[in-house]
Amino acid sequence: VSTRKLATRMKVDHTTILRHLSEIGKVKKMDKWVPHELSERNKLDRLNVCSSLLTRFHREPFFDRIITYDEKWVLYDNRKSPILLHDNARPHTSYKTIAKLNELKYEILQHPAYSSDLSPTDFHFFKHLEQFLRALLSDLKT
C-alpha cells in the first residue's frame, strides 16, 4: 500500500503519513519502507550470510553461475546449475515460486533482510534497460 493510498483511506494529508513513518524510524529505500537502523539480528544475519558466501567462494568459485532478476526479463539463460540471486520480496518467497524453482533445480543464494546491496540490478540496470527498450521500440515503429 502506498503512502498516498494510506492518506486517502485515513483522510489525512500525505505528509502526515510520511512524518509518522519517519517518527517510527522508517525510511524509504528503493520504493519500500524499511527500518532506518538495522537491528542486531539483521546485522548478525548479514554477517552470517556474507561469511557463508565467502567460505563457499573459496571452496568453489560460483559467480559465473549467478542469475539476478527483478520483474523484467529479457535474457534467456541456459546455464548449468544456475544460482538465483533475488531479494526476499513476497512473490519471490511464495510456496509456488519456491516449488517451481526447486522443480527447475535452481539453487537460491541466501539474501539477508534489508540488503539491497546484494542486488545491484535494482540500482542502475533496470533504469538503463527501460531506456534502451523504449528506444528500441521507437526505432521499430519507425
N, C-alpha and C. Protein backbone atom coordinates (compact mmCIF):
# COMPACT_ATOMS: atom_id res chain seq x y z
N VAL A 1 0.85 -1.17 0.00
CA VAL A 1 0.00 0.00 0.00
C VAL A 1 0.90 1.23 0.00
N SER A 2 0.60 2.18 -0.88
CA SER A 2 1.41 3.39 -0.95
C SER A 2 1.02 4.36 0.17
N THR A 3 1.90 5.30 0.43
CA THR A 3 1.61 6.30 1.46
C THR A 3 0.46 7.20 1.02
N ARG A 4 0.35 7.44 -0.26
CA ARG A 4 -0.77 8.26 -0.76
C ARG A 4 -2.11 7.54 -0.57
N LYS A 5 -2.13 6.23 -0.81
CA LYS A 5 -3.36 5.47 -0.60
C LYS A 5 -3.73 5.44 0.88
N LEU A 6 -2.72 5.29 1.74
CA LEU A 6 -2.99 5.33 3.18
C LEU A 6 -3.59 6.67 3.58
N ALA A 7 -3.02 7.74 3.06
CA ALA A 7 -3.52 9.08 3.38
C ALA A 7 -4.97 9.24 2.93
N THR A 8 -5.29 8.75 1.75
CA THR A 8 -6.66 8.82 1.24
C THR A 8 -7.60 8.01 2.13
N ARG A 9 -7.20 6.79 2.45
CA ARG A 9 -8.05 5.92 3.30
C ARG A 9 -8.29 6.52 4.68
N MET A 10 -7.24 7.13 5.22
CA MET A 10 -7.34 7.66 6.58
C MET A 10 -7.82 9.11 6.61
N LYS A 11 -8.01 9.67 5.42
CA LYS A 11 -8.48 11.06 5.28
C LYS A 11 -7.56 12.04 6.01
N VAL A 12 -6.26 11.87 5.75
CA VAL A 12 -5.26 12.79 6.29
C VAL A 12 -4.35 13.23 5.15
N ASP A 13 -3.57 14.24 5.40
CA ASP A 13 -2.63 14.72 4.40
C ASP A 13 -1.50 13.71 4.20
N HIS A 14 -1.02 13.60 2.98
CA HIS A 14 0.06 12.67 2.63
C HIS A 14 1.30 12.91 3.50
N THR A 15 1.61 14.17 3.77
CA THR A 15 2.80 14.49 4.58
C THR A 15 2.66 13.98 6.02
N THR A 16 1.43 13.85 6.49
CA THR A 16 1.21 13.31 7.84
C THR A 16 1.66 11.86 7.90
N ILE A 17 1.32 11.09 6.88
CA ILE A 17 1.75 9.69 6.81
C ILE A 17 3.27 9.62 6.77
N LEU A 18 3.88 10.45 5.92
CA LEU A 18 5.34 10.46 5.80
C LEU A 18 6.00 10.80 7.14
N ARG A 19 5.46 11.79 7.82
CA ARG A 19 6.02 12.20 9.11
C ARG A 19 5.94 11.08 10.14
N HIS A 20 4.78 10.41 10.20
CA HIS A 20 4.62 9.31 11.17
C HIS A 20 5.56 8.15 10.85
N LEU A 21 5.73 7.81 9.59
CA LEU A 21 6.67 6.75 9.23
C LEU A 21 8.08 7.12 9.65
N SER A 22 8.43 8.36 9.44
CA SER A 22 9.75 8.84 9.84
C SER A 22 9.92 8.77 11.36
N GLU A 23 8.88 9.14 12.08
CA GLU A 23 8.94 9.14 13.54
C GLU A 23 9.12 7.74 14.13
N ILE A 24 8.62 6.72 13.44
CA ILE A 24 8.81 5.36 13.95
C ILE A 24 10.06 4.70 13.37
N GLY A 25 10.90 5.54 12.73
CA GLY A 25 12.20 5.04 12.28
C GLY A 25 12.21 4.35 10.93
N LYS A 26 11.20 4.62 10.10
CA LYS A 26 11.17 4.01 8.77
C LYS A 26 11.70 5.00 7.74
N VAL A 27 12.44 4.48 6.77
CA VAL A 27 12.92 5.30 5.66
C VAL A 27 12.59 4.57 4.37
N LYS A 28 12.45 5.34 3.29
CA LYS A 28 12.11 4.74 2.01
C LYS A 28 13.40 4.40 1.27
N LYS A 29 13.53 3.14 0.90
CA LYS A 29 14.68 2.68 0.13
C LYS A 29 14.16 1.85 -1.01
N MET A 30 14.46 2.29 -2.22
CA MET A 30 14.07 1.55 -3.42
C MET A 30 12.57 1.24 -3.40
N ASP A 31 11.77 2.26 -3.11
CA ASP A 31 10.31 2.16 -3.11
C ASP A 31 9.74 1.26 -2.02
N LYS A 32 10.50 1.00 -0.97
CA LYS A 32 9.99 0.20 0.15
C LYS A 32 10.31 0.94 1.44
N TRP A 33 9.39 0.88 2.39
CA TRP A 33 9.63 1.46 3.70
C TRP A 33 10.27 0.39 4.57
N VAL A 34 11.44 0.69 5.05
CA VAL A 34 12.19 -0.27 5.87
C VAL A 34 12.67 0.42 7.14
N PRO A 35 13.00 -0.35 8.17
CA PRO A 35 13.56 0.28 9.37
C PRO A 35 14.84 1.02 9.02
N HIS A 36 14.99 2.21 9.57
CA HIS A 36 16.17 3.03 9.28
C HIS A 36 17.44 2.36 9.80
N GLU A 37 17.36 1.84 10.98
CA GLU A 37 18.51 1.18 11.60
C GLU A 37 18.36 -0.33 11.49
N LEU A 38 19.46 -0.99 11.21
CA LEU A 38 19.43 -2.45 11.22
C LEU A 38 19.44 -2.92 12.67
N SER A 39 18.63 -3.91 12.96
CA SER A 39 18.64 -4.47 14.31
C SER A 39 19.90 -5.33 14.47
N GLU A 40 20.20 -5.70 15.70
CA GLU A 40 21.35 -6.59 15.93
C GLU A 40 21.16 -7.90 15.18
N ARG A 41 19.91 -8.37 15.14
CA ARG A 41 19.60 -9.61 14.41
C ARG A 41 19.89 -9.44 12.91
N ASN A 42 19.47 -8.28 12.33
CA ASN A 42 19.74 -8.01 10.92
C ASN A 42 21.24 -8.01 10.64
N LYS A 43 21.99 -7.38 11.54
CA LYS A 43 23.45 -7.31 11.36
C LYS A 43 24.09 -8.69 11.44
N LEU A 44 23.64 -9.49 12.40
CA LEU A 44 24.16 -10.84 12.55
C LEU A 44 23.81 -11.70 11.33
N ASP A 45 22.57 -11.57 10.83
CA ASP A 45 22.17 -12.30 9.62
C ASP A 45 23.05 -11.93 8.44
N ARG A 46 23.30 -10.63 8.26
CA ARG A 46 24.17 -10.18 7.17
C ARG A 46 25.57 -10.78 7.30
N LEU A 47 26.10 -10.73 8.50
CA LEU A 47 27.44 -11.26 8.74
C LEU A 47 27.48 -12.75 8.43
N ASN A 48 26.48 -13.50 8.88
CA ASN A 48 26.44 -14.94 8.63
C ASN A 48 26.32 -15.26 7.15
N VAL A 49 25.45 -14.55 6.45
CA VAL A 49 25.28 -14.81 5.01
C VAL A 49 26.57 -14.48 4.27
N CYS A 50 27.15 -13.33 4.55
CA CYS A 50 28.38 -12.94 3.85
C CYS A 50 29.53 -13.90 4.15
N SER A 51 29.64 -14.30 5.40
CA SER A 51 30.69 -15.24 5.78
C SER A 51 30.50 -16.58 5.07
N SER A 52 29.26 -17.03 5.01
CA SER A 52 28.94 -18.28 4.33
C SER A 52 29.26 -18.20 2.84
N LEU A 53 28.92 -17.08 2.21
CA LEU A 53 29.20 -16.91 0.78
C LEU A 53 30.70 -16.86 0.52
N LEU A 54 31.43 -16.18 1.38
CA LEU A 54 32.88 -16.09 1.22
C LEU A 54 33.53 -17.46 1.38
N THR A 55 33.12 -18.21 2.38
CA THR A 55 33.65 -19.57 2.59
C THR A 55 33.36 -20.44 1.38
N ARG A 56 32.14 -20.34 0.89
CA ARG A 56 31.76 -21.14 -0.29
C ARG A 56 32.59 -20.74 -1.50
N PHE A 57 32.79 -19.44 -1.70
CA PHE A 57 33.55 -18.98 -2.86
C PHE A 57 34.98 -19.51 -2.83
N HIS A 58 35.58 -19.60 -1.65
CA HIS A 58 36.94 -20.14 -1.55
C HIS A 58 36.97 -21.63 -1.89
N ARG A 59 35.90 -22.35 -1.57
CA ARG A 59 35.81 -23.78 -1.92
C ARG A 59 35.49 -23.98 -3.39
N GLU A 60 34.58 -23.16 -3.91
CA GLU A 60 34.04 -23.37 -5.25
C GLU A 60 33.63 -22.01 -5.85
N PRO A 61 34.46 -21.42 -6.71
CA PRO A 61 34.06 -20.16 -7.35
C PRO A 61 32.73 -20.36 -8.09
N PHE A 62 31.78 -19.49 -7.81
CA PHE A 62 30.44 -19.70 -8.37
C PHE A 62 29.83 -18.45 -9.01
N PHE A 63 30.56 -17.34 -9.06
CA PHE A 63 29.99 -16.09 -9.56
C PHE A 63 29.44 -16.20 -10.98
N ASP A 64 30.08 -17.01 -11.83
CA ASP A 64 29.61 -17.12 -13.21
C ASP A 64 28.30 -17.90 -13.33
N ARG A 65 27.82 -18.45 -12.24
CA ARG A 65 26.55 -19.19 -12.25
C ARG A 65 25.39 -18.38 -11.70
N ILE A 66 25.67 -17.17 -11.21
CA ILE A 66 24.63 -16.37 -10.57
C ILE A 66 23.76 -15.68 -11.62
N ILE A 67 22.46 -15.76 -11.40
CA ILE A 67 21.49 -15.06 -12.24
C ILE A 67 20.73 -14.13 -11.32
N THR A 68 20.68 -12.85 -11.67
CA THR A 68 19.87 -11.91 -10.89
C THR A 68 18.70 -11.48 -11.76
N TYR A 69 17.62 -11.06 -11.12
CA TYR A 69 16.47 -10.60 -11.88
C TYR A 69 15.59 -9.75 -11.00
N ASP A 70 14.64 -9.13 -11.66
CA ASP A 70 13.59 -8.41 -10.98
C ASP A 70 12.32 -8.70 -11.76
N GLU A 71 11.44 -7.75 -11.87
CA GLU A 71 10.17 -8.01 -12.55
C GLU A 71 10.29 -8.00 -14.07
N LYS A 72 11.45 -7.66 -14.60
CA LYS A 72 11.62 -7.58 -16.05
C LYS A 72 12.57 -8.67 -16.51
N TRP A 73 12.18 -9.37 -17.53
CA TRP A 73 13.01 -10.44 -18.08
C TRP A 73 13.31 -10.14 -19.54
N VAL A 74 14.55 -10.31 -19.94
CA VAL A 74 14.92 -10.16 -21.34
C VAL A 74 15.75 -11.34 -21.78
N LEU A 75 16.68 -11.73 -20.96
CA LEU A 75 17.67 -12.73 -21.30
C LEU A 75 17.14 -14.15 -21.12
N TYR A 76 17.35 -14.98 -22.14
CA TYR A 76 17.11 -16.41 -21.97
C TYR A 76 18.45 -17.01 -21.61
N ASP A 77 18.52 -17.62 -20.48
CA ASP A 77 19.79 -18.13 -19.99
C ASP A 77 19.68 -19.63 -19.76
N ASN A 78 20.58 -20.38 -20.34
CA ASN A 78 20.52 -21.83 -20.25
C ASN A 78 21.77 -22.37 -19.54
N ARG A 79 22.13 -21.78 -18.43
CA ARG A 79 23.32 -22.21 -17.69
C ARG A 79 23.06 -23.53 -16.99
N LYS A 80 24.14 -24.25 -16.79
CA LYS A 80 24.05 -25.48 -16.00
C LYS A 80 24.19 -25.09 -14.52
N SER A 81 23.41 -25.70 -13.68
CA SER A 81 23.42 -25.45 -12.23
C SER A 81 23.32 -23.97 -11.89
N PRO A 82 22.27 -23.29 -12.35
CA PRO A 82 22.16 -21.85 -12.08
C PRO A 82 21.91 -21.56 -10.60
N ILE A 83 22.44 -20.44 -10.16
CA ILE A 83 22.22 -19.96 -8.80
C ILE A 83 21.45 -18.66 -8.93
N LEU A 84 20.31 -18.58 -8.28
CA LEU A 84 19.44 -17.42 -8.42
C LEU A 84 19.64 -16.46 -7.26
N LEU A 85 19.90 -15.20 -7.58
CA LEU A 85 20.03 -14.15 -6.56
C LEU A 85 18.85 -13.21 -6.70
N HIS A 86 18.01 -13.17 -5.69
CA HIS A 86 16.89 -12.23 -5.67
C HIS A 86 16.62 -11.83 -4.24
N ASP A 87 15.83 -10.77 -4.10
CA ASP A 87 15.55 -10.30 -2.74
C ASP A 87 14.48 -11.18 -2.09
N ASN A 88 14.10 -10.82 -0.90
CA ASN A 88 13.13 -11.62 -0.15
C ASN A 88 11.71 -11.10 -0.28
N ALA A 89 11.39 -10.46 -1.40
CA ALA A 89 10.03 -9.97 -1.62
C ALA A 89 9.06 -11.15 -1.59
N ARG A 90 7.85 -10.89 -1.16
CA ARG A 90 6.87 -11.98 -1.01
C ARG A 90 6.68 -12.81 -2.27
N PRO A 91 6.58 -12.19 -3.47
CA PRO A 91 6.40 -13.05 -4.65
C PRO A 91 7.57 -14.01 -4.86
N HIS A 92 8.76 -13.63 -4.43
CA HIS A 92 9.94 -14.47 -4.61
C HIS A 92 10.01 -15.60 -3.59
N THR A 93 9.31 -15.45 -2.48
CA THR A 93 9.40 -16.46 -1.42
C THR A 93 8.10 -17.24 -1.23
N SER A 94 7.16 -17.05 -2.13
CA SER A 94 5.89 -17.77 -2.01
C SER A 94 6.12 -19.26 -2.23
N TYR A 95 5.20 -20.05 -1.72
CA TYR A 95 5.31 -21.51 -1.84
C TYR A 95 5.40 -21.93 -3.30
N LYS A 96 4.54 -21.35 -4.16
CA LYS A 96 4.54 -21.72 -5.58
C LYS A 96 5.86 -21.37 -6.25
N THR A 97 6.40 -20.21 -5.93
CA THR A 97 7.68 -19.80 -6.52
C THR A 97 8.79 -20.75 -6.10
N ILE A 98 8.88 -21.01 -4.81
CA ILE A 98 9.93 -21.90 -4.30
C ILE A 98 9.78 -23.30 -4.90
N ALA A 99 8.54 -23.79 -5.00
CA ALA A 99 8.30 -25.11 -5.57
C ALA A 99 8.77 -25.16 -7.03
N LYS A 100 8.47 -24.11 -7.79
CA LYS A 100 8.87 -24.08 -9.20
C LYS A 100 10.39 -24.00 -9.33
N LEU A 101 11.03 -23.19 -8.51
CA LEU A 101 12.49 -23.09 -8.56
C LEU A 101 13.13 -24.43 -8.19
N ASN A 102 12.56 -25.11 -7.22
CA ASN A 102 13.07 -26.45 -6.86
C ASN A 102 12.87 -27.43 -8.01
N GLU A 103 11.71 -27.36 -8.65
CA GLU A 103 11.43 -28.23 -9.80
C GLU A 103 12.45 -27.99 -10.93
N LEU A 104 12.80 -26.72 -11.14
CA LEU A 104 13.77 -26.37 -12.18
C LEU A 104 15.21 -26.62 -11.74
N LYS A 105 15.38 -27.04 -10.49
CA LYS A 105 16.69 -27.31 -9.91
C LYS A 105 17.57 -26.05 -9.85
N TYR A 106 16.94 -24.92 -9.54
CA TYR A 106 17.67 -23.68 -9.32
C TYR A 106 18.09 -23.64 -7.85
N GLU A 107 19.32 -23.29 -7.63
CA GLU A 107 19.77 -23.05 -6.26
C GLU A 107 19.46 -21.59 -5.95
N ILE A 108 19.00 -21.31 -4.75
CA ILE A 108 18.69 -19.94 -4.36
C ILE A 108 19.77 -19.45 -3.42
N LEU A 109 20.44 -18.38 -3.80
CA LEU A 109 21.50 -17.81 -2.98
C LEU A 109 20.89 -17.08 -1.79
N GLN A 110 21.46 -17.26 -0.63
CA GLN A 110 20.96 -16.57 0.58
C GLN A 110 21.00 -15.07 0.37
N HIS A 111 20.04 -14.37 0.95
CA HIS A 111 19.96 -12.92 0.84
C HIS A 111 19.41 -12.38 2.14
N PRO A 112 20.22 -11.67 2.94
CA PRO A 112 19.72 -11.17 4.23
C PRO A 112 18.67 -10.08 4.06
N ALA A 113 17.82 -9.93 5.05
CA ALA A 113 16.78 -8.91 5.03
C ALA A 113 17.38 -7.51 4.93
N TYR A 114 16.66 -6.62 4.25
CA TYR A 114 17.04 -5.22 4.09
C TYR A 114 18.41 -5.06 3.44
N SER A 115 18.76 -5.94 2.55
CA SER A 115 20.10 -5.91 1.96
C SER A 115 20.03 -5.66 0.47
N SER A 116 19.78 -4.43 0.10
CA SER A 116 19.72 -4.08 -1.32
C SER A 116 21.10 -4.13 -1.96
N ASP A 117 22.15 -4.10 -1.16
CA ASP A 117 23.49 -4.09 -1.71
C ASP A 117 23.83 -5.39 -2.44
N LEU A 118 23.08 -6.47 -2.22
CA LEU A 118 23.35 -7.72 -2.91
C LEU A 118 22.57 -7.84 -4.21
N SER A 119 21.77 -6.85 -4.54
CA SER A 119 21.01 -6.89 -5.78
C SER A 119 21.32 -5.64 -6.61
N PRO A 120 22.48 -5.61 -7.26
CA PRO A 120 22.89 -4.40 -7.98
C PRO A 120 21.97 -4.03 -9.13
N THR A 121 21.21 -4.98 -9.64
CA THR A 121 20.32 -4.66 -10.75
C THR A 121 19.26 -3.65 -10.33
N ASP A 122 18.90 -3.62 -9.05
CA ASP A 122 17.89 -2.68 -8.59
C ASP A 122 18.36 -1.23 -8.67
N PHE A 123 19.65 -1.00 -8.63
CA PHE A 123 20.15 0.36 -8.60
C PHE A 123 20.19 1.03 -9.97
N HIS A 124 20.84 0.41 -10.93
CA HIS A 124 21.08 1.09 -12.20
C HIS A 124 20.57 0.33 -13.41
N PHE A 125 20.68 -0.97 -13.39
CA PHE A 125 20.44 -1.77 -14.58
C PHE A 125 19.05 -1.56 -15.17
N PHE A 126 18.00 -1.64 -14.34
CA PHE A 126 16.65 -1.59 -14.89
C PHE A 126 16.30 -0.23 -15.46
N LYS A 127 16.84 0.83 -14.88
CA LYS A 127 16.61 2.17 -15.44
C LYS A 127 17.17 2.24 -16.86
N HIS A 128 18.39 1.76 -17.03
CA HIS A 128 19.02 1.78 -18.35
C HIS A 128 18.36 0.79 -19.30
N LEU A 129 17.93 -0.34 -18.78
CA LEU A 129 17.24 -1.32 -19.62
C LEU A 129 15.94 -0.74 -20.17
N GLU A 130 15.17 -0.06 -19.31
CA GLU A 130 13.93 0.56 -19.77
C GLU A 130 14.19 1.59 -20.85
N GLN A 131 15.20 2.43 -20.66
CA GLN A 131 15.53 3.44 -21.67
C GLN A 131 15.93 2.77 -22.98
N PHE A 132 16.72 1.73 -22.90
CA PHE A 132 17.16 1.01 -24.09
C PHE A 132 15.98 0.40 -24.83
N LEU A 133 15.09 -0.26 -24.09
CA LEU A 133 13.95 -0.91 -24.71
C LEU A 133 12.98 0.09 -25.32
N ARG A 134 12.79 1.24 -24.68
CA ARG A 134 11.93 2.28 -25.25
C ARG A 134 12.52 2.80 -26.56
N ALA A 135 13.83 3.03 -26.57
CA ALA A 135 14.48 3.50 -27.80
C ALA A 135 14.36 2.44 -28.90
N LEU A 136 14.55 1.19 -28.53
CA LEU A 136 14.45 0.09 -29.50
C LEU A 136 13.03 0.00 -30.05
N LEU A 137 12.04 0.10 -29.20
CA LEU A 137 10.65 0.05 -29.63
C LEU A 137 10.33 1.23 -30.54
N SER A 138 10.83 2.39 -30.19
CA SER A 138 10.62 3.58 -31.02
C SER A 138 11.23 3.38 -32.41
N ASP A 139 12.44 2.81 -32.46
CA ASP A 139 13.10 2.54 -33.74
C ASP A 139 12.31 1.53 -34.56
N LEU A 140 11.74 0.53 -33.91
CA LEU A 140 10.97 -0.50 -34.61
C LEU A 140 9.68 0.07 -35.20
N LYS A 141 9.10 1.05 -34.53
CA LYS A 141 7.85 1.65 -35.00
C LYS A 141 8.07 2.54 -36.22
N THR A 142 9.29 3.07 -36.37
CA THR A 142 9.56 3.97 -37.50
C THR A 142 10.07 3.25 -38.71
